[in-house]
Amino acid sequence: PSPSSSRSPSRSRSLSRRPSPSPSPSRSPSPSSSVAVAVALALAIAVALAVAVALAVAVALAIAVTLAVAVALAIAVALAIAVALALAIALAIAVALAVAVALDVAVALAITVAP
């Protein structure tokens, strides 16, 4: 008899069997992949929250800077008005002094010209 015929039919069937394929991860996710997905989602949410907080802080700072600039401009306008008023007062004093000097000169001329 040939060597292939000496094998028993049950043995040849067991040799020809293939091992059953392991289930793919897409069908039934393992606990570790579920944890990894949960951690990734938690990290994504944390990053999104951090970005939102950073944007809110940036907007608040921009508003604060804008208000500070507006206050500085208001102070500058107030100072400009105060300087303009001071210059107007100084001009009024100069005109009053000029008038006083002119009257003094007129009185002096009147005294010297008078007989």
PDB file of N, CA and C in Angstrom:
ATOM      1  N   PRO A   1       0.836  -1.215   0.000  1.00  0.00           N
ATOM      2  CA  PRO A   1       0.000   0.000   0.000  1.00  0.00           C
ATOM      3  C   PRO A   1       0.858   1.248   0.000  1.00  0.00           C
ATOM      4  N   SER A   2       0.356   2.317  -0.605  1.00  0.00           N
ATOM      5  CA  SER A   2       1.105   3.578  -0.696  1.00  0.00           C
ATOM      6  C   SER A   2       1.038   4.321   0.634  1.00  0.00           C
ATOM      7  N   PRO A   3       1.965   5.215   0.853  1.00  0.00           N
ATOM      8  CA  PRO A   3       1.961   5.917   2.146  1.00  0.00           C
ATOM      9  C   PRO A   3       0.728   6.797   2.331  1.00  0.00           C
ATOM     10  N   SER A   4       0.170   7.310   1.261  1.00  0.00           N
ATOM     11  CA  SER A   4      -1.011   8.157   1.432  1.00  0.00           C
ATOM     12  C   SER A   4      -2.238   7.344   1.794  1.00  0.00           C
ATOM     13  N   SER A   5      -2.283   6.090   1.361  1.00  0.00           N
ATOM     14  CA  SER A   5      -3.428   5.265   1.700  1.00  0.00           C
ATOM     15  C   SER A   5      -3.333   4.709   3.103  1.00  0.00           C
ATOM     16  N   SER A   6      -2.131   4.785   3.710  1.00  0.00           N
ATOM     17  CA  SER A   6      -1.981   4.255   5.060  1.00  0.00           C
ATOM     18  C   SER A   6      -2.567   5.196   6.110  1.00  0.00           C
ATOM     19  N   ARG A   7      -2.802   6.423   5.739  1.00  0.00           N
ATOM     20  CA  ARG A   7      -3.378   7.355   6.703  1.00  0.00           C
ATOM     21  C   ARG A   7      -4.833   7.040   6.931  1.00  0.00           C
ATOM     22  N   SER A   8      -5.246   7.278   8.112  1.00  0.00           N
ATOM     23  CA  SER A   8      -6.664   7.062   8.413  1.00  0.00           C
ATOM     24  C   SER A   8      -7.462   8.264   7.942  1.00  0.00           C
ATOM     25  N   PRO A   9      -8.699   8.058   7.569  1.00  0.00           N
ATOM     26  CA  PRO A   9      -9.497   9.196   7.076  1.00  0.00           C
ATOM     27  C   PRO A   9      -9.704  10.290   8.129  1.00  0.00           C
ATOM     28  N   SER A  10      -9.800   9.922   9.385  1.00  0.00           N
ATOM     29  CA  SER A  10     -10.013  10.951  10.407  1.00  0.00           C
ATOM     30  C   SER A  10      -8.766  11.813  10.575  1.00  0.00           C
ATOM     31  N   ARG A  11      -7.606  11.175  10.404  1.00  0.00           N
ATOM     32  CA  ARG A  11      -6.370  11.932  10.554  1.00  0.00           C
ATOM     33  C   ARG A  11      -6.195  12.884   9.384  1.00  0.00           C
ATOM     34  N   SER A  12      -6.515  12.476   8.190  1.00  0.00           N
ATOM     35  CA  SER A  12      -6.370  13.358   7.044  1.00  0.00           C
ATOM     36  C   SER A  12      -7.357  14.522   7.133  1.00  0.00           C
ATOM     37  N   ARG A  13      -8.525  14.283   7.713  1.00  0.00           N
ATOM     38  CA  ARG A  13      -9.474  15.375   7.883  1.00  0.00           C
ATOM     39  C   ARG A  13      -8.972  16.383   8.917  1.00  0.00           C
ATOM     40  N   SER A  14      -8.361  15.916   9.987  1.00  0.00           N
ATOM     41  CA  SER A  14      -7.873  16.835  11.004  1.00  0.00           C
ATOM     42  C   SER A  14      -6.706  17.661  10.488  1.00  0.00           C
ATOM     43  N   LEU A  15      -5.906  17.079   9.571  1.00  0.00           N
ATOM     44  CA  LEU A  15      -4.793  17.832   9.006  1.00  0.00           C
ATOM     45  C   LEU A  15      -5.285  18.893   8.024  1.00  0.00           C
ATOM     46  N   SER A  16      -6.366  18.609   7.345  1.00  0.00           N
ATOM     47  CA  SER A  16      -6.847  19.557   6.344  1.00  0.00           C
ATOM     48  C   SER A  16      -7.671  20.681   6.941  1.00  0.00           C
ATOM     49  N   ARG A  17      -8.045  20.559   8.197  1.00  0.00           N
ATOM     50  CA  ARG A  17      -8.821  21.628   8.837  1.00  0.00           C
ATOM     51  C   ARG A  17      -7.943  22.852   9.080  1.00  0.00           C
ATOM     52  N   ARG A  18      -8.563  23.972   8.950  1.00  0.00           N
ATOM     53  CA  ARG A  18      -7.854  25.230   9.241  1.00  0.00           C
ATOM     54  C   ARG A  18      -8.368  25.766  10.574  1.00  0.00           C
ATOM     55  N   PRO A  19      -7.545  26.459  11.305  1.00  0.00           N
ATOM     56  CA  PRO A  19      -8.029  27.029  12.575  1.00  0.00           C
ATOM     57  C   PRO A  19      -9.063  28.112  12.284  1.00  0.00           C
ATOM     58  N   SER A  20     -10.015  28.210  13.194  1.00  0.00           N
ATOM     59  CA  SER A  20     -11.073  29.202  12.998  1.00  0.00           C
ATOM     60  C   SER A  20     -10.468  30.599  13.129  1.00  0.00           C
ATOM     61  N   PRO A  21     -10.871  31.508  12.267  1.00  0.00           N
ATOM     62  CA  PRO A  21     -10.287  32.866  12.348  1.00  0.00           C
ATOM     63  C   PRO A  21     -10.737  33.569  13.617  1.00  0.00           C
ATOM     64  N   SER A  22      -9.818  34.357  14.151  1.00  0.00           N
ATOM     65  CA  SER A  22     -10.159  35.104  15.369  1.00  0.00           C
ATOM     66  C   SER A  22     -11.108  36.238  14.986  1.00  0.00           C
ATOM     67  N   PRO A  23     -11.999  36.596  15.882  1.00  0.00           N
ATOM     68  CA  PRO A  23     -12.949  37.678  15.546  1.00  0.00           C
ATOM     69  C   PRO A  23     -12.209  38.988  15.328  1.00  0.00           C
ATOM     70  N   SER A  24     -12.637  39.736  14.339  1.00  0.00           N
ATOM     71  CA  SER A  24     -11.971  40.995  14.026  1.00  0.00           C
ATOM     72  C   SER A  24     -12.352  42.038  15.073  1.00  0.00           C
ATOM     73  N   PRO A  25     -11.471  43.022  15.326  1.00  0.00           N
ATOM     74  CA  PRO A  25     -11.776  44.031  16.347  1.00  0.00           C
ATOM     75  C   PRO A  25     -12.971  44.905  15.978  1.00  0.00           C
ATOM     76  N   SER A  26     -13.296  45.014  14.692  1.00  0.00           N
ATOM     77  CA  SER A  26     -14.416  45.864  14.314  1.00  0.00           C
ATOM     78  C   SER A  26     -15.748  45.243  14.706  1.00  0.00           C
ATOM     79  N   ARG A  27     -15.794  43.933  14.816  1.00  0.00           N
ATOM     80  CA  ARG A  27     -17.061  43.289  15.186  1.00  0.00           C
ATOM     81  C   ARG A  27     -17.335  43.432  16.677  1.00  0.00           C
ATOM     82  N   SER A  28     -16.341  43.116  17.480  1.00  0.00           N
ATOM     83  CA  SER A  28     -16.527  43.236  18.924  1.00  0.00           C
ATOM     84  C   SER A  28     -15.299  43.937  19.498  1.00  0.00           C
ATOM     85  N   PRO A  29     -15.417  45.226  19.793  1.00  0.00           N
ATOM     86  CA  PRO A  29     -14.248  45.955  20.286  1.00  0.00           C
ATOM     87  C   PRO A  29     -13.810  45.447  21.647  1.00  0.00           C
ATOM     88  N   SER A  30     -12.518  45.395  21.792  1.00  0.00           N
ATOM     89  CA  SER A  30     -11.974  44.938  23.067  1.00  0.00           C
ATOM     90  C   SER A  30     -12.091  46.069  24.081  1.00  0.00           C
ATOM     91  N   PRO A  31     -12.059  45.748  25.355  1.00  0.00           N
ATOM     92  CA  PRO A  31     -12.168  46.807  26.378  1.00  0.00           C
ATOM     93  C   PRO A  31     -11.040  47.826  26.275  1.00  0.00           C
ATOM     94  N   SER A  32      -9.848  47.389  25.887  1.00  0.00           N
ATOM     95  CA  SER A  32      -8.729  48.336  25.818  1.00  0.00           C
ATOM     96  C   SER A  32      -8.944  49.348  24.703  1.00  0.00           C
ATOM     97  N   SER A  33      -9.514  48.939  23.562  1.00  0.00           N
ATOM     98  CA  SER A  33      -9.762  49.899  22.494  1.00  0.00           C
ATOM     99  C   SER A  33     -10.883  50.851  22.879  1.00  0.00           C
ATOM    100  N   SER A  34     -11.873  50.363  23.620  1.00  0.00           N
ATOM    101  CA  SER A  34     -12.935  51.258  24.089  1.00  0.00           C
ATOM    102  C   SER A  34     -12.371  52.301  25.052  1.00  0.00           C
ATOM    103  N   VAL A  35     -11.478  51.885  25.915  1.00  0.00           N
ATOM    104  CA  VAL A  35     -10.849  52.818  26.848  1.00  0.00           C
ATOM    105  C   VAL A  35     -10.008  53.827  26.078  1.00  0.00           C
ATOM    106  N   ALA A  36      -9.294  53.352  25.049  1.00  0.00           N
ATOM    107  CA  ALA A  36      -8.471  54.268  24.252  1.00  0.00           C
ATOM    108  C   ALA A  36      -9.343  55.298  23.547  1.00  0.00           C
ATOM    109  N   VAL A  37     -10.477  54.868  23.020  1.00  0.00           N
ATOM    110  CA  VAL A  37     -11.380  55.801  22.349  1.00  0.00           C
ATOM    111  C   VAL A  37     -11.944  56.800  23.368  1.00  0.00           C
ATOM    112  N   ALA A  38     -12.302  56.321  24.545  1.00  0.00           N
ATOM    113  CA  ALA A  38     -12.832  57.216  25.577  1.00  0.00           C
ATOM    114  C   ALA A  38     -11.789  58.228  26.014  1.00  0.00           C
ATOM    115  N   VAL A  39     -10.547  57.760  26.168  1.00  0.00           N
ATOM    116  CA  VAL A  39      -9.470  58.675  26.562  1.00  0.00           C
ATOM    117  C   VAL A  39      -9.223  59.697  25.460  1.00  0.00           C
ATOM    118  N   ALA A  40      -9.243  59.253  24.203  1.00  0.00           N
ATOM    119  CA  ALA A  40      -9.034  60.182  23.090  1.00  0.00           C
ATOM    120  C   ALA A  40     -10.148  61.220  23.035  1.00  0.00           C
ATOM    121  N   LEU A  41     -11.395  60.777  23.245  1.00  0.00           N
ATOM    122  CA  LEU A  41     -12.505  61.727  23.259  1.00  0.00           C
ATOM    123  C   LEU A  41     -12.379  62.706  24.420  1.00  0.00           C
ATOM    124  N   ALA A  42     -11.994  62.193  25.591  1.00  0.00           N
ATOM    125  CA  ALA A  42     -11.825  63.075  26.749  1.00  0.00           C
ATOM    126  C   ALA A  42     -10.722  64.095  26.490  1.00  0.00           C
ATOM    127  N   LEU A  43      -9.636  63.658  25.873  1.00  0.00           N
ATOM    128  CA  LEU A  43      -8.550  64.588  25.551  1.00  0.00           C
ATOM    129  C   LEU A  43      -9.004  65.617  24.532  1.00  0.00           C
ATOM    130  N   ALA A  44      -9.769  65.186  23.530  1.00  0.00           N
ATOM    131  CA  ALA A  44     -10.260  66.133  22.522  1.00  0.00           C
ATOM    132  C   ALA A  44     -11.183  67.162  23.154  1.00  0.00           C
ATOM    133  N   ILE A  45     -12.044  66.718  24.073  1.00  0.00           N
ATOM    134  CA  ILE A  45     -12.946  67.649  24.750  1.00  0.00           C
ATOM    135  C   ILE A  45     -12.151  68.609  25.629  1.00  0.00           C
ATOM    136  N   ALA A  46     -11.133  68.081  26.315  1.00  0.00           N
ATOM    137  CA  ALA A  46     -10.308  68.950  27.167  1.00  0.00           C
ATOM    138  C   ALA A  46      -9.572  69.993  26.331  1.00  0.00           C
ATOM    139  N   VAL A  47      -9.049  69.580  25.196  1.00  0.00           N
ATOM    140  CA  VAL A  47      -8.351  70.536  24.320  1.00  0.00           C
ATOM    141  C   VAL A  47      -9.335  71.579  23.799  1.00  0.00           C
ATOM    142  N   ALA A  48     -10.527  71.145  23.401  1.00  0.00           N
ATOM    143  CA  ALA A  48     -11.529  72.097  22.913  1.00  0.00           C
ATOM    144  C   ALA A  48     -11.924  73.087  24.004  1.00  0.00           C
ATOM    145  N   LEU A  49     -12.077  72.595  25.227  1.00  0.00           N
ATOM    146  CA  LEU A  49     -12.400  73.501  26.339  1.00  0.00           C
ATOM    147  C   LEU A  49     -11.259  74.472  26.608  1.00  0.00           C
ATOM    148  N   ALA A  50     -10.030  73.968  26.552  1.00  0.00           N
ATOM    149  CA  ALA A  50      -8.880  74.849  26.780  1.00  0.00           C
ATOM    150  C   ALA A  50      -8.813  75.930  25.706  1.00  0.00           C
ATOM    151  N   VAL A  51      -9.074  75.561  24.465  1.00  0.00           N
ATOM    152  CA  VAL A  51      -9.069  76.544  23.378  1.00  0.00           C
ATOM    153  C   VAL A  51     -10.194  77.556  23.589  1.00  0.00           C
ATOM    154  N   ALA A  52     -11.367  77.087  23.997  1.00  0.00           N
ATOM    155  CA  ALA A  52     -12.486  78.003  24.235  1.00  0.00           C
ATOM    156  C   ALA A  52     -12.167  78.969  25.375  1.00  0.00           C
ATOM    157  N   VAL A  53     -11.558  78.458  26.444  1.00  0.00           N
ATOM    158  CA  VAL A  53     -11.187  79.335  27.564  1.00  0.00           C
ATOM    159  C   VAL A  53     -10.131  80.338  27.126  1.00  0.00           C
ATOM    160  N   ALA A  54      -9.155  79.872  26.334  1.00  0.00           N
ATOM    161  CA  ALA A  54      -8.112  80.785  25.848  1.00  0.00           C
ATOM    162  C   ALA A  54      -8.717  81.872  24.966  1.00  0.00           C
ATOM    163  N   LEU A  55      -9.672  81.497  24.114  1.00  0.00           N
ATOM    164  CA  LEU A  55     -10.324  82.498  23.272  1.00  0.00           C
ATOM    165  C   LEU A  55     -11.137  83.482  24.115  1.00  0.00           C
ATOM    166  N   ALA A  56     -11.814  82.975  25.128  1.00  0.00           N
ATOM    167  CA  ALA A  56     -12.589  83.867  25.995  1.00  0.00           C
ATOM    168  C   ALA A  56     -11.668  84.835  26.731  1.00  0.00           C
ATOM    169  N   VAL A  57     -10.524  84.343  27.202  1.00  0.00           N
ATOM    170  CA  VAL A  57      -9.562  85.219  27.886  1.00  0.00           C
ATOM    171  C   VAL A  57      -9.016  86.256  26.907  1.00  0.00           C
ATOM    172  N   ALA A  58      -8.730  85.825  25.670  1.00  0.00           N
ATOM    173  CA  ALA A  58      -8.223  86.769  24.673  1.00  0.00           C
ATOM    174  C   ALA A  58      -9.250  87.847  24.361  1.00  0.00           C
ATOM    175  N   VAL A  59     -10.515  87.456  24.244  1.00  0.00           N
ATOM    176  CA  VAL A  59     -11.569  88.446  23.982  1.00  0.00           C
ATOM    177  C   VAL A  59     -11.706  89.395  25.166  1.00  0.00           C
ATOM    178  N   ALA A  60     -11.651  88.848  26.388  1.00  0.00           N
ATOM    179  CA  ALA A  60     -11.748  89.702  27.577  1.00  0.00           C
ATOM    180  C   ALA A  60     -10.577  90.682  27.641  1.00  0.00           C
ATOM    181  N   LEU A  61      -9.376  90.202  27.315  1.00  0.00           N
ATOM    182  CA  LEU A  61      -8.210  91.097  27.303  1.00  0.00           C
ATOM    183  C   LEU A  61      -8.355  92.166  26.231  1.00  0.00           C
ATOM    184  N   ALA A  62      -8.861  91.775  25.059  1.00  0.00           N
ATOM    185  CA  ALA A  62      -9.055  92.758  23.993  1.00  0.00           C
ATOM    186  C   ALA A  62     -10.055  93.826  24.414  1.00  0.00           C
ATOM    187  N   ILE A  63     -11.130  93.396  25.080  1.00  0.00           N
ATOM    188  CA  ILE A  63     -12.123  94.368  25.564  1.00  0.00           C
ATOM    189  C   ILE A  63     -11.496  95.276  26.619  1.00  0.00           C
ATOM    190  N   ALA A  64     -10.702  94.686  27.526  1.00  0.00           N
ATOM    191  CA  ALA A  64     -10.060  95.498  28.568  1.00  0.00           C
ATOM    192  C   ALA A  64      -9.085  96.505  27.958  1.00  0.00           C
ATOM    193  N   VAL A  65      -8.311  96.057  26.971  1.00  0.00           N
ATOM    194  CA  VAL A  65      -7.369  96.980  26.314  1.00  0.00           C
ATOM    195  C   VAL A  65      -8.133  98.082  25.589  1.00  0.00           C
ATOM    196  N   THR A  66      -9.227  97.715  24.925  1.00  0.00           N
ATOM    197  CA  THR A  66     -10.027  98.721  24.227  1.00  0.00           C
ATOM    198  C   THR A  66     -10.589  99.745  25.215  1.00  0.00           C
ATOM    199  N   LEU A  67     -11.090  99.261  26.348  1.00  0.00           N
ATOM    200  CA  LEU A  67     -11.601 100.196  27.360  1.00  0.00           C
ATOM    201  C   LEU A  67     -10.483 101.082  27.913  1.00  0.00           C
ATOM    202  N   ALA A  68      -9.301 100.488  28.128  1.00  0.00           N
ATOM    203  CA  ALA A  68      -8.180 101.281  28.637  1.00  0.00           C
ATOM    204  C   ALA A  68      -7.780 102.356  27.634  1.00  0.00           C
ATOM    205  N   VAL A  69      -7.769 101.993  26.351  1.00  0.00           N
ATOM    206  CA  VAL A  69      -7.437 102.987  25.316  1.00  0.00           C
ATOM    207  C   VAL A  69      -8.509 104.071  25.275  1.00  0.00           C
ATOM    208  N   ALA A  70      -9.778 103.679  25.399  1.00  0.00           N
ATOM    209  CA  ALA A  70     -10.851 104.679  25.402  1.00  0.00           C
ATOM    210  C   ALA A  70     -10.726 105.620  26.589  1.00  0.00           C
ATOM    211  N   VAL A  71     -10.398 105.071  27.753  1.00  0.00           N
ATOM    212  CA  VAL A  71     -10.211 105.917  28.940  1.00  0.00           C
ATOM    213  C   VAL A  71      -9.015 106.840  28.749  1.00  0.00           C
ATOM    214  N   ALA A  72      -7.923 106.302  28.171  1.00  0.00           N
ATOM    215  CA  ALA A  72      -6.741 107.141  27.925  1.00  0.00           C
ATOM    216  C   ALA A  72      -7.064 108.259  26.942  1.00  0.00           C
ATOM    217  N   LEU A  73      -7.846 107.949  25.902  1.00  0.00           N
ATOM    218  CA  LEU A  73      -8.236 108.987  24.952  1.00  0.00           C
ATOM    219  C   LEU A  73      -9.132 110.032  25.616  1.00  0.00           C
ATOM    220  N   ALA A  74     -10.044 109.585  26.475  1.00  0.00           N
ATOM    221  CA  ALA A  74     -10.901 110.535  27.181  1.00  0.00           C
ATOM    222  C   ALA A  74     -10.068 111.446  28.078  1.00  0.00           C
ATOM    223  N   ILE A  75      -9.077 110.873  28.752  1.00  0.00           N
ATOM    224  CA  ILE A  75      -8.195 111.683  29.597  1.00  0.00           C
ATOM    225  C   ILE A  75      -7.393 112.664  28.744  1.00  0.00           C
ATOM    226  N   ALA A  76      -6.917 112.191  27.587  1.00  0.00           N
ATOM    227  CA  ALA A  76      -6.162 113.079  26.702  1.00  0.00           C
ATOM    228  C   ALA A  76      -7.037 114.228  26.201  1.00  0.00           C
ATOM    229  N   VAL A  77      -8.283 113.930  25.850  1.00  0.00           N
ATOM    230  CA  VAL A  77      -9.198 114.995  25.417  1.00  0.00           C
ATOM    231  C   VAL A  77      -9.458 115.971  26.557  1.00  0.00           C
ATOM    232  N   ALA A  78      -9.652 115.446  27.759  1.00  0.00           N
ATOM    233  CA  ALA A  78      -9.881 116.323  28.909  1.00  0.00           C
ATOM    234  C   ALA A  78      -8.665 117.209  29.165  1.00  0.00           C
ATOM    235  N   LEU A  79      -7.470 116.631  29.045  1.00  0.00           N
ATOM    236  CA  LEU A  79      -6.256 117.436  29.227  1.00  0.00           C
ATOM    237  C   LEU A  79      -6.126 118.488  28.131  1.00  0.00           C
ATOM    238  N   ALA A  80      -6.466 118.122  26.908  1.00  0.00           N
ATOM    239  CA  ALA A  80      -6.393 119.091  25.810  1.00  0.00           C
ATOM    240  C   ALA A  80      -7.365 120.244  26.056  1.00  0.00           C
ATOM    241  N   ILE A  81      -8.567 119.911  26.541  1.00  0.00           N
ATOM    242  CA  ILE A  81      -9.536 120.968  26.853  1.00  0.00           C
ATOM    243  C   ILE A  81      -9.017 121.845  27.985  1.00  0.00           C
ATOM    244  N   ALA A  82      -8.406 121.215  28.996  1.00  0.00           N
ATOM    245  CA  ALA A  82      -7.860 121.998  30.119  1.00  0.00           C
ATOM    246  C   ALA A  82      -6.737 122.918  29.639  1.00  0.00           C
ATOM    247  N   VAL A  83      -5.872 122.409  28.763  1.00  0.00           N
ATOM    248  CA  VAL A  83      -4.786 123.249  28.231  1.00  0.00           C
ATOM    249  C   VAL A  83      -5.363 124.396  27.404  1.00  0.00           C
ATOM    250  N   ALA A  84      -6.392 124.088  26.594  1.00  0.00           N
ATOM    251  CA  ALA A  84      -7.009 125.149  25.795  1.00  0.00           C
ATOM    252  C   ALA A  84      -7.626 126.217  26.700  1.00  0.00           C
ATOM    253  N   LEU A  85      -8.287 125.784  27.785  1.00  0.00           N
ATOM    254  CA  LEU A  85      -8.848 126.758  28.727  1.00  0.00           C
ATOM    255  C   LEU A  85      -7.740 127.581  29.398  1.00  0.00           C
ATOM    256  N   ALA A  86      -6.637 126.922  29.754  1.00  0.00           N
ATOM    257  CA  ALA A  86      -5.532 127.648  30.379  1.00  0.00           C
ATOM    258  C   ALA A  86      -4.941 128.671  29.412  1.00  0.00           C
ATOM    259  N   LEU A  87      -4.830 128.271  28.133  1.00  0.00           N
ATOM    260  CA  LEU A  87      -4.318 129.220  27.140  1.00  0.00           C
ATOM    261  C   LEU A  87      -5.293 130.383  26.937  1.00  0.00           C
ATOM    262  N   ALA A  88      -6.586 130.093  26.957  1.00  0.00           N
ATOM    263  CA  ALA A  88      -7.568 131.165  26.815  1.00  0.00           C
ATOM    264  C   ALA A  88      -7.502 132.125  27.994  1.00  0.00           C
ATOM    265  N   ILE A  89      -7.324 131.576  29.200  1.00  0.00           N
ATOM    266  CA  ILE A  89      -7.202 132.430  30.391  1.00  0.00           C
ATOM    267  C   ILE A  89      -5.923 133.260  30.310  1.00  0.00           C
ATOM    268  N   ALA A  90      -4.830 132.622  29.864  1.00  0.00           N
ATOM    269  CA  ALA A  90      -3.570 133.363  29.736  1.00  0.00           C
ATOM    270  C   ALA A  90      -3.713 134.480  28.699  1.00  0.00           C
ATOM    271  N   LEU A  91      -4.406 134.200  27.602  1.00  0.00           N
ATOM    272  CA  LEU A  91      -4.620 135.232  26.583  1.00  0.00           C
ATOM    273  C   LEU A  91      -5.473 136.375  27.134  1.00  0.00           C
ATOM    274  N   ALA A  92      -6.486 136.012  27.900  1.00  0.00           N
ATOM    275  CA  ALA A  92      -7.336 137.060  28.500  1.00  0.00           C
ATOM    276  C   ALA A  92      -6.532 137.928  29.470  1.00  0.00           C
ATOM    277  N   ILE A  93      -5.653 137.300  30.240  1.00  0.00           N
ATOM    278  CA  ILE A  93      -4.806 138.062  31.173  1.00  0.00           C
ATOM    279  C   ILE A  93      -3.858 138.964  30.387  1.00  0.00           C
ATOM    280  N   ALA A  94      -3.299 138.423  29.272  1.00  0.00           N
ATOM    281  CA  ALA A  94      -2.388 139.237  28.462  1.00  0.00           C
ATOM    282  C   ALA A  94      -3.121 140.435  27.861  1.00  0.00           C
ATOM    283  N   VAL A  95      -4.323 140.213  27.399  1.00  0.00           N
ATOM    284  CA  VAL A  95      -5.103 141.329  26.833  1.00  0.00           C
ATOM    285  C   VAL A  95      -5.426 142.347  27.926  1.00  0.00           C
ATOM    286  N   ALA A  96      -5.790 141.855  29.113  1.00  0.00           N
ATOM    287  CA  ALA A  96      -6.083 142.778  30.221  1.00  0.00           C
ATOM    288  C   ALA A  96      -4.850 143.584  30.596  1.00  0.00           C
ATOM    289  N   LEU A  97      -3.684 142.936  30.613  1.00  0.00           N
ATOM    290  CA  LEU A  97      -2.444 143.664  30.915  1.00  0.00           C
ATOM    291  C   LEU A  97      -2.129 144.688  29.828  1.00  0.00           C
ATOM    292  N   ALA A  98      -2.363 144.302  28.582  1.00  0.00           N
ATOM    293  CA  ALA A  98      -2.109 145.249  27.478  1.00  0.00           C
ATOM    294  C   ALA A  98      -3.028 146.466  27.591  1.00  0.00           C
ATOM    295  N   VAL A  99      -4.265 146.210  27.926  1.00  0.00           N
ATOM    296  CA  VAL A  99      -5.205 147.320  28.095  1.00  0.00           C
ATOM    297  C   VAL A  99      -4.778 148.198  29.269  1.00  0.00           C
ATOM    298  N   ALA A 100      -4.341 147.558  30.360  1.00  0.00           N
ATOM    299  CA  ALA A 100      -3.902 148.331  31.533  1.00  0.00           C
ATOM    300  C   ALA A 100      -2.680 149.172  31.202  1.00  0.00           C
ATOM    301  N   VAL A 101      -1.735 148.594  30.445  1.00  0.00           N
ATOM    302  CA  VAL A 101      -0.540 149.349  30.057  1.00  0.00           C
ATOM    303  C   VAL A 101      -0.931 150.499  29.129  1.00  0.00           C
ATOM    304  N   ALA A 102      -1.839 150.235  28.211  1.00  0.00           N
ATOM    305  CA  ALA A 102      -2.267 151.298  27.292  1.00  0.00           C
ATOM    306  C   ALA A 102      -2.949 152.421  28.051  1.00  0.00           C
ATOM    307  N   LEU A 103      -3.779 152.093  29.028  1.00  0.00           N
ATOM    308  CA  LEU A 103      -4.419 153.130  29.844  1.00  0.00           C
ATOM    309  C   LEU A 103      -3.389 153.902  30.666  1.00  0.00           C
ATOM    310  N   ASP A 104      -2.392 153.180  31.188  1.00  0.00           N
ATOM    311  CA  ASP A 104      -1.341 153.834  31.962  1.00  0.00           C
ATOM    312  C   ASP A 104      -0.560 154.821  31.095  1.00  0.00           C
ATOM    313  N   VAL A 105      -0.244 154.379  29.878  1.00  0.00           N
ATOM    314  CA  VAL A 105       0.480 155.258  28.958  1.00  0.00           C
ATOM    315  C   VAL A 105      -0.395 156.449  28.603  1.00  0.00           C
ATOM    316  N   ALA A 106      -1.672 156.208  28.385  1.00  0.00           N
ATOM    317  CA  ALA A 106      -2.573 157.314  28.047  1.00  0.00           C
ATOM    318  C   ALA A 106      -2.668 158.313  29.187  1.00  0.00           C
ATOM    319  N   VAL A 107      -2.741 157.831  30.406  1.00  0.00           N
ATOM    320  CA  VAL A 107      -2.802 158.721  31.571  1.00  0.00           C
ATOM    321  C   VAL A 107      -1.502 159.497  31.703  1.00  0.00           C
ATOM    322  N   ALA A 108      -0.377 158.816  31.505  1.00  0.00           N
ATOM    323  CA  ALA A 108       0.916 159.498  31.606  1.00  0.00           C
ATOM    324  C   ALA A 108       1.041 160.563  30.535  1.00  0.00           C
ATOM    325  N   LEU A 109       0.602 160.274  29.336  1.00  0.00           N
ATOM    326  CA  LEU A 109       0.659 161.279  28.264  1.00  0.00           C
ATOM    327  C   LEU A 109      -0.269 162.428  28.587  1.00  0.00           C
ATOM    328  N   ALA A 110      -1.419 162.130  29.139  1.00  0.00           N
ATOM    329  CA  ALA A 110      -2.360 163.195  29.467  1.00  0.00           C
ATOM    330  C   ALA A 110      -1.797 164.103  30.545  1.00  0.00           C
ATOM    331  N   ILE A 111      -1.078 163.529  31.487  1.00  0.00           N
ATOM    332  CA  ILE A 111      -0.507 164.337  32.571  1.00  0.00           C
ATOM    333  C   ILE A 111       0.605 165.232  32.007  1.00  0.00           C
ATOM    334  N   THR A 112       1.459 164.653  31.140  1.00  0.00           N
ATOM    335  CA  THR A 112       2.604 165.424  30.623  1.00  0.00           C
ATOM    336  C   THR A 112       2.150 166.467  29.614  1.00  0.00           C
ATOM    337  N   VAL A 113       1.124 166.198  28.892  1.00  0.00           N
ATOM    338  CA  VAL A 113       0.648 167.155  27.865  1.00  0.00           C
ATOM    339  C   VAL A 113      -0.178 168.249  28.520  1.00  0.00           C
ATOM    340  N   ALA A 114      -0.813 167.955  29.613  1.00  0.00           N
ATOM    341  CA  ALA A 114      -1.682 168.939  30.259  1.00  0.00           C
ATOM    342  C   ALA A 114      -0.866 170.138  30.742  1.00  0.00           C
ATOM    343  N   PRO A 115      -1.446 171.323  30.632  1.00  0.00           N
ATOM    344  CA  PRO A 115      -0.720 172.532  31.046  1.00  0.00           C
ATOM    345  C   PRO A 115      -0.556 172.665  32.534  1.00  0.00           C
TER     346      PRO A 115
END
